[in-house]
Amino acid sequence: MPTERLSMRRIRELLRLKYESGLSSRLIAKSLGISKGAVGIYLHRANAAKLTWPLPEAMTDTSLERLLFPGQVCVKTDRGPEPDWAHVDRELRRPGVTRSLLWVEYRTDRPNGYGYTWFCTSYEAWKQRVSPTMRQRHAAGEKVFVDYAGDTIDIVDPITGEAQAMKLFVGALGASSYVYCEARPSEGLGDWIGCHVGMFAAFGGVATITVCDNLKAAVTNPDRYDPGLNRTYQDMARHYGTTILPARPYKARDKGLGSYCTSSAM
């Protein structure tokens, strides 16, 4: 029985792992969950199509498919117009609104519409077009991004059934996007330090740089050029051998992965 063809998104990832990351076919196969022989077939097709890396920004999935699989007709389904990405962007700035929620609303209006992966990928592509930024690259073990999610979550006591509102701490490794979450009763200094201790223990190591937001438990003077750090937070960093790097005020891109993970965690 023939193996199902990879999606264009996964084929792009295969090419990236080969030509940008320099991985072997065996490691690529393990990463994508396919056979080593399948990796070789896709790379052979890429060489036959004379593809170069990185792929041209203007190359769509349809164009890539035609180059890799010439002569195979792709029957397209009429999925209607694309969502209003400007409206999606405005909605995502509201508390409690997530991409998943907006995608469900989109599919309710258009039952034959695109899937969730396409929705997220197309939205990111739209953001790059309207506000191009340089892609951040993080080495393994270099940075961990820490912050509290904006909304509280309810933790229910299994004995009494009483619900208590808790703050959700999120730590995300820059290279792997591996996430650690912990519920705490407050954003106070003791809980802030305790969350870091639990995070480092769960990760089994400490990142070289810890990027934090400008909450009071971490930063006493949120200055863009010379931020003042809480003394206890500095002592913790010295003990674990990490460097605290506060994000610049009103510069959400400094937090990058941390902001995305805190919104996704809710």
Protein backbone atom coordinates (compact mmCIF):
# COMPACT_ATOMS: atom_id res chain seq x y z
CA MET A 1 0.00 0.00 0.00
CA PRO A 2 1.54 3.36 -1.00
CA THR A 3 2.53 5.76 1.76
CA GLU A 4 0.39 8.88 2.05
CA ARG A 5 2.16 11.93 0.67
CA LEU A 6 3.38 14.52 3.16
CA SER A 7 1.67 17.89 3.25
CA MET A 8 3.53 20.80 1.66
CA ARG A 9 4.08 22.25 5.14
CA ARG A 10 5.91 19.10 6.24
CA ILE A 11 7.86 18.92 2.99
CA ARG A 12 9.04 22.49 3.61
CA GLU A 13 10.11 21.39 7.09
CA LEU A 14 11.96 18.42 5.58
CA LEU A 15 13.87 20.71 3.24
CA ARG A 16 14.66 23.11 6.10
CA LEU A 17 16.03 20.32 8.27
CA LYS A 18 18.24 19.13 5.41
CA TYR A 19 19.56 22.36 3.91
CA GLU A 20 19.39 24.78 6.84
CA SER A 21 19.99 22.54 9.86
CA GLY A 22 22.22 20.05 8.01
CA LEU A 23 20.62 16.97 9.58
CA SER A 24 21.16 13.50 8.20
CA SER A 25 18.36 11.60 6.49
CA ARG A 26 18.09 9.35 9.54
CA LEU A 27 17.53 12.26 11.93
CA ILE A 28 15.09 13.92 9.53
CA ALA A 29 13.11 10.69 9.28
CA LYS A 30 13.00 10.42 13.08
CA SER A 31 11.89 14.06 13.44
CA LEU A 32 9.07 13.78 10.89
CA GLY A 33 8.00 10.26 11.74
CA ILE A 34 8.64 8.84 8.26
CA SER A 35 11.05 6.30 6.81
CA LYS A 36 14.60 7.12 5.76
CA GLY A 37 13.72 5.97 2.25
CA ALA A 38 10.83 8.47 2.07
CA VAL A 39 13.22 11.26 3.03
CA GLY A 40 15.50 10.21 0.18
CA ILE A 41 12.61 10.25 -2.30
CA TYR A 42 11.57 13.79 -1.35
CA LEU A 43 15.16 15.03 -1.52
CA HIS A 44 15.56 13.36 -4.93
CA ARG A 45 12.45 15.16 -6.17
CA ALA A 46 13.78 18.45 -4.77
CA ASN A 47 17.09 17.98 -6.61
CA ALA A 48 15.28 17.03 -9.83
CA ALA A 49 13.18 20.20 -9.54
CA LYS A 50 16.41 22.19 -8.95
CA LEU A 51 15.03 23.73 -5.79
CA THR A 52 17.30 25.99 -3.74
CA TRP A 53 17.12 26.84 -0.05
CA PRO A 54 15.64 29.01 1.25
CA LEU A 55 12.66 28.69 -1.03
CA PRO A 56 11.51 31.93 -2.69
CA GLU A 57 9.08 33.82 -0.44
CA ALA A 58 6.60 34.09 -3.32
CA MET A 59 6.46 30.31 -3.82
CA THR A 60 3.07 29.02 -2.74
CA ASP A 61 2.30 25.46 -1.68
CA THR A 62 0.59 24.90 -5.02
CA SER A 63 3.67 26.04 -6.93
CA LEU A 64 5.92 23.84 -4.80
CA GLU A 65 3.65 20.84 -5.33
CA ARG A 66 3.73 21.31 -9.11
CA LEU A 67 7.53 21.37 -9.08
CA LEU A 68 7.89 18.31 -6.88
CA PHE A 69 5.08 16.29 -8.45
CA PRO A 70 4.81 17.38 -12.09
CA GLY A 71 1.94 15.97 -14.09
CA GLN A 72 -0.16 15.18 -11.02
CA VAL A 73 -3.31 17.28 -11.04
CA CYS A 74 -4.38 18.74 -7.74
CA VAL A 75 -8.15 19.15 -7.49
CA LYS A 76 -8.86 22.24 -5.45
CA THR A 77 -11.99 22.68 -3.37
CA ASP A 78 -13.71 26.02 -3.26
CA ARG A 79 -13.18 27.06 0.34
CA GLY A 80 -14.42 30.61 -0.06
CA PRO A 81 -12.55 33.85 0.67
CA GLU A 82 -9.80 34.05 3.27
CA PRO A 83 -10.64 35.42 6.72
CA ASP A 84 -10.27 39.14 7.40
CA TRP A 85 -6.82 38.93 8.97
CA ALA A 86 -6.95 42.52 10.25
CA HIS A 87 -10.11 41.61 12.18
CA VAL A 88 -8.46 38.43 13.47
CA ASP A 89 -5.47 40.44 14.65
CA ARG A 90 -7.71 42.92 16.51
CA GLU A 91 -9.69 40.13 18.14
CA LEU A 92 -6.53 38.38 19.37
CA ARG A 93 -5.63 41.49 21.35
CA ARG A 94 -8.74 41.02 23.49
CA PRO A 95 -8.41 39.09 26.78
CA GLY A 96 -9.38 35.44 26.52
CA VAL A 97 -9.49 35.33 22.72
CA THR A 98 -7.33 32.60 21.15
CA ARG A 99 -6.54 31.47 17.63
CA SER A 100 -8.41 28.24 18.25
CA LEU A 101 -11.56 30.15 19.20
CA LEU A 102 -11.38 32.37 16.11
CA TRP A 103 -10.78 29.35 13.88
CA VAL A 104 -13.89 27.65 15.28
CA GLU A 105 -15.90 30.79 14.45
CA TYR A 106 -14.39 30.81 10.94
CA ARG A 107 -15.32 27.17 10.34
CA THR A 108 -18.83 27.77 11.69
CA ASP A 109 -19.35 30.41 8.99
CA ARG A 110 -17.54 28.30 6.34
CA PRO A 111 -17.91 24.54 7.02
CA ASN A 112 -15.76 23.78 3.95
CA GLY A 113 -13.07 26.21 5.04
CA TYR A 114 -9.42 25.52 5.74
CA GLY A 115 -8.00 23.62 8.72
CA TYR A 116 -6.49 25.02 11.89
CA THR A 117 -2.87 24.63 10.73
CA TRP A 118 -3.58 26.61 7.55
CA PHE A 119 -5.39 29.26 9.61
CA CYS A 120 -2.39 29.82 11.92
CA THR A 121 0.21 29.64 9.14
CA SER A 122 -1.69 32.10 6.92
CA TYR A 123 -2.21 34.51 9.81
CA GLU A 124 1.52 34.48 10.59
CA ALA A 125 2.28 35.09 6.90
CA TRP A 126 -0.12 38.04 6.90
CA LYS A 127 1.57 39.53 9.97
CA GLN A 128 4.96 39.25 8.28
CA ARG A 129 3.66 41.10 5.24
CA VAL A 130 2.13 44.00 7.18
CA SER A 131 4.90 44.21 9.79
CA PRO A 132 8.07 42.44 8.64
CA THR A 133 10.51 41.54 11.40
CA MET A 134 13.74 39.62 11.60
CA ARG A 135 13.23 36.04 12.72
CA GLN A 136 14.63 35.25 16.16
CA ARG A 137 16.88 32.23 16.35
CA HIS A 138 17.74 30.66 19.70
CA ALA A 139 20.51 28.18 20.42
CA ALA A 140 19.67 25.19 22.61
CA GLY A 141 19.94 26.10 26.28
CA GLU A 142 20.51 29.78 25.52
CA LYS A 143 17.25 31.43 26.64
CA VAL A 144 14.14 30.70 28.65
CA PHE A 145 11.21 33.15 28.53
CA VAL A 146 9.19 33.54 31.74
CA ASP A 147 5.95 35.38 32.49
CA TYR A 148 2.54 35.06 34.08
CA ALA A 149 -0.53 34.51 31.92
CA GLY A 150 -2.88 37.48 32.00
CA ASP A 151 -5.99 35.71 33.33
CA THR A 152 -6.33 33.54 36.42
CA ILE A 153 -7.32 29.87 36.43
CA ASP A 154 -9.46 28.07 38.97
CA ILE A 155 -7.90 25.24 40.99
CA VAL A 156 -10.57 23.06 42.63
CA ASP A 157 -9.89 21.39 45.97
CA PRO A 158 -10.71 17.68 45.42
CA ILE A 159 -11.95 17.32 49.00
CA THR A 160 -14.01 20.46 49.61
CA GLY A 161 -14.83 21.26 45.99
CA GLU A 162 -13.89 24.88 46.63
CA ALA A 163 -12.38 26.76 43.66
CA GLN A 164 -9.46 29.14 44.19
CA ALA A 165 -8.30 31.64 41.60
CA MET A 166 -4.61 31.11 40.81
CA LYS A 167 -1.99 32.82 38.69
CA LEU A 168 -0.45 30.72 35.92
CA PHE A 169 3.34 30.92 35.55
CA VAL A 170 4.72 29.92 32.14
CA GLY A 171 8.35 29.27 31.19
CA ALA A 172 9.25 28.46 27.57
CA LEU A 173 12.64 27.38 26.22
CA GLY A 174 13.62 29.47 23.20
CA ALA A 175 15.06 26.73 20.99
CA SER A 176 12.55 23.90 21.54
CA SER A 177 9.46 25.85 22.72
CA TYR A 178 9.25 23.31 25.56
CA VAL A 179 6.86 24.78 28.15
CA TYR A 180 6.65 24.57 31.93
CA CYS A 181 3.50 25.77 33.72
CA GLU A 182 2.78 26.16 37.43
CA ALA A 183 -0.22 27.59 39.26
CA ARG A 184 0.51 29.94 42.16
CA PRO A 185 -1.76 31.99 44.44
CA SER A 186 -0.06 35.31 43.66
CA GLU A 187 2.57 37.12 41.61
CA GLY A 188 4.52 37.92 44.76
CA LEU A 189 8.25 37.50 45.12
CA GLY A 190 8.06 34.18 46.98
CA ASP A 191 5.81 32.60 44.35
CA TRP A 192 7.89 34.09 41.52
CA ILE A 193 11.12 32.58 42.87
CA GLY A 194 9.40 29.29 43.66
CA CYS A 195 8.17 28.99 40.09
CA HIS A 196 11.72 29.39 38.80
CA VAL A 197 13.00 26.72 41.17
CA GLY A 198 10.31 24.31 40.00
CA MET A 199 10.96 25.17 36.34
CA PHE A 200 14.71 24.58 36.55
CA ALA A 201 14.09 21.28 38.32
CA ALA A 202 11.58 20.19 35.68
CA PHE A 203 13.90 21.16 32.82
CA GLY A 204 16.81 19.42 34.47
CA GLY A 205 19.06 22.41 33.83
CA VAL A 206 19.31 26.18 33.63
CA ALA A 207 19.31 28.39 30.54
CA THR A 208 22.14 30.87 30.10
CA ILE A 209 19.69 33.80 29.89
CA THR A 210 16.31 34.20 31.57
CA VAL A 211 14.09 36.74 29.77
CA CYS A 212 11.39 38.10 32.06
CA ASP A 213 8.63 40.67 31.90
CA ASN A 214 8.70 43.84 33.97
CA LEU A 215 6.55 42.64 36.88
CA LYS A 216 7.33 44.06 40.32
CA ALA A 217 8.69 40.78 41.73
CA ALA A 218 11.44 40.83 39.10
CA VAL A 219 12.15 44.44 38.11
CA THR A 220 12.21 47.37 40.51
CA ASN A 221 13.03 49.98 37.87
CA PRO A 222 11.72 49.12 34.37
CA ASP A 223 14.18 51.34 32.52
CA ARG A 224 14.88 50.60 28.85
CA TYR A 225 18.67 50.96 29.17
CA ASP A 226 19.42 50.36 32.84
CA PRO A 227 16.68 48.23 34.45
CA GLY A 228 16.87 47.63 38.19
CA LEU A 229 16.42 44.02 39.33
CA ASN A 230 14.95 42.81 42.59
CA ARG A 231 17.82 41.84 44.89
CA THR A 232 16.35 38.45 45.77
CA TYR A 233 15.81 37.71 42.08
CA GLN A 234 19.43 38.63 41.42
CA ASP A 235 20.58 36.30 44.22
CA MET A 236 18.55 33.47 42.69
CA ALA A 237 20.13 34.10 39.28
CA ARG A 238 23.60 34.11 40.82
CA HIS A 239 22.87 30.86 42.65
CA TYR A 240 21.70 29.07 39.48
CA GLY A 241 24.24 30.69 37.17
CA THR A 242 21.77 32.39 34.83
CA THR A 243 21.58 35.98 33.59
CA ILE A 244 18.35 37.95 33.99
CA LEU A 245 17.41 39.97 30.90
CA PRO A 246 14.25 42.05 31.39
CA ALA A 247 12.22 42.75 28.26
CA ARG A 248 12.09 46.39 27.22
CA PRO A 249 8.88 48.16 28.31
CA TYR A 250 6.20 48.17 25.57
CA LYS A 251 8.35 45.94 23.34
CA ALA A 252 6.29 42.75 23.11
CA ARG A 253 8.65 41.24 20.53
CA ASP A 254 11.39 41.09 23.16
CA LYS A 255 9.25 38.55 25.00
CA GLY A 256 8.32 36.81 21.74
CA LEU A 257 7.86 33.15 22.59
CA GLY A 258 6.90 33.89 26.18
CA SER A 259 3.95 36.04 25.18
CA TYR A 260 2.74 33.47 22.65
CA CYS A 261 2.97 30.61 25.16
CA THR A 262 1.16 32.50 27.93
CA SER A 263 -1.73 33.25 25.58
CA SER A 264 -1.81 29.68 24.26
CA ALA A 265 -1.71 28.20 27.76
CA MET A 266 -5.00 29.88 28.59
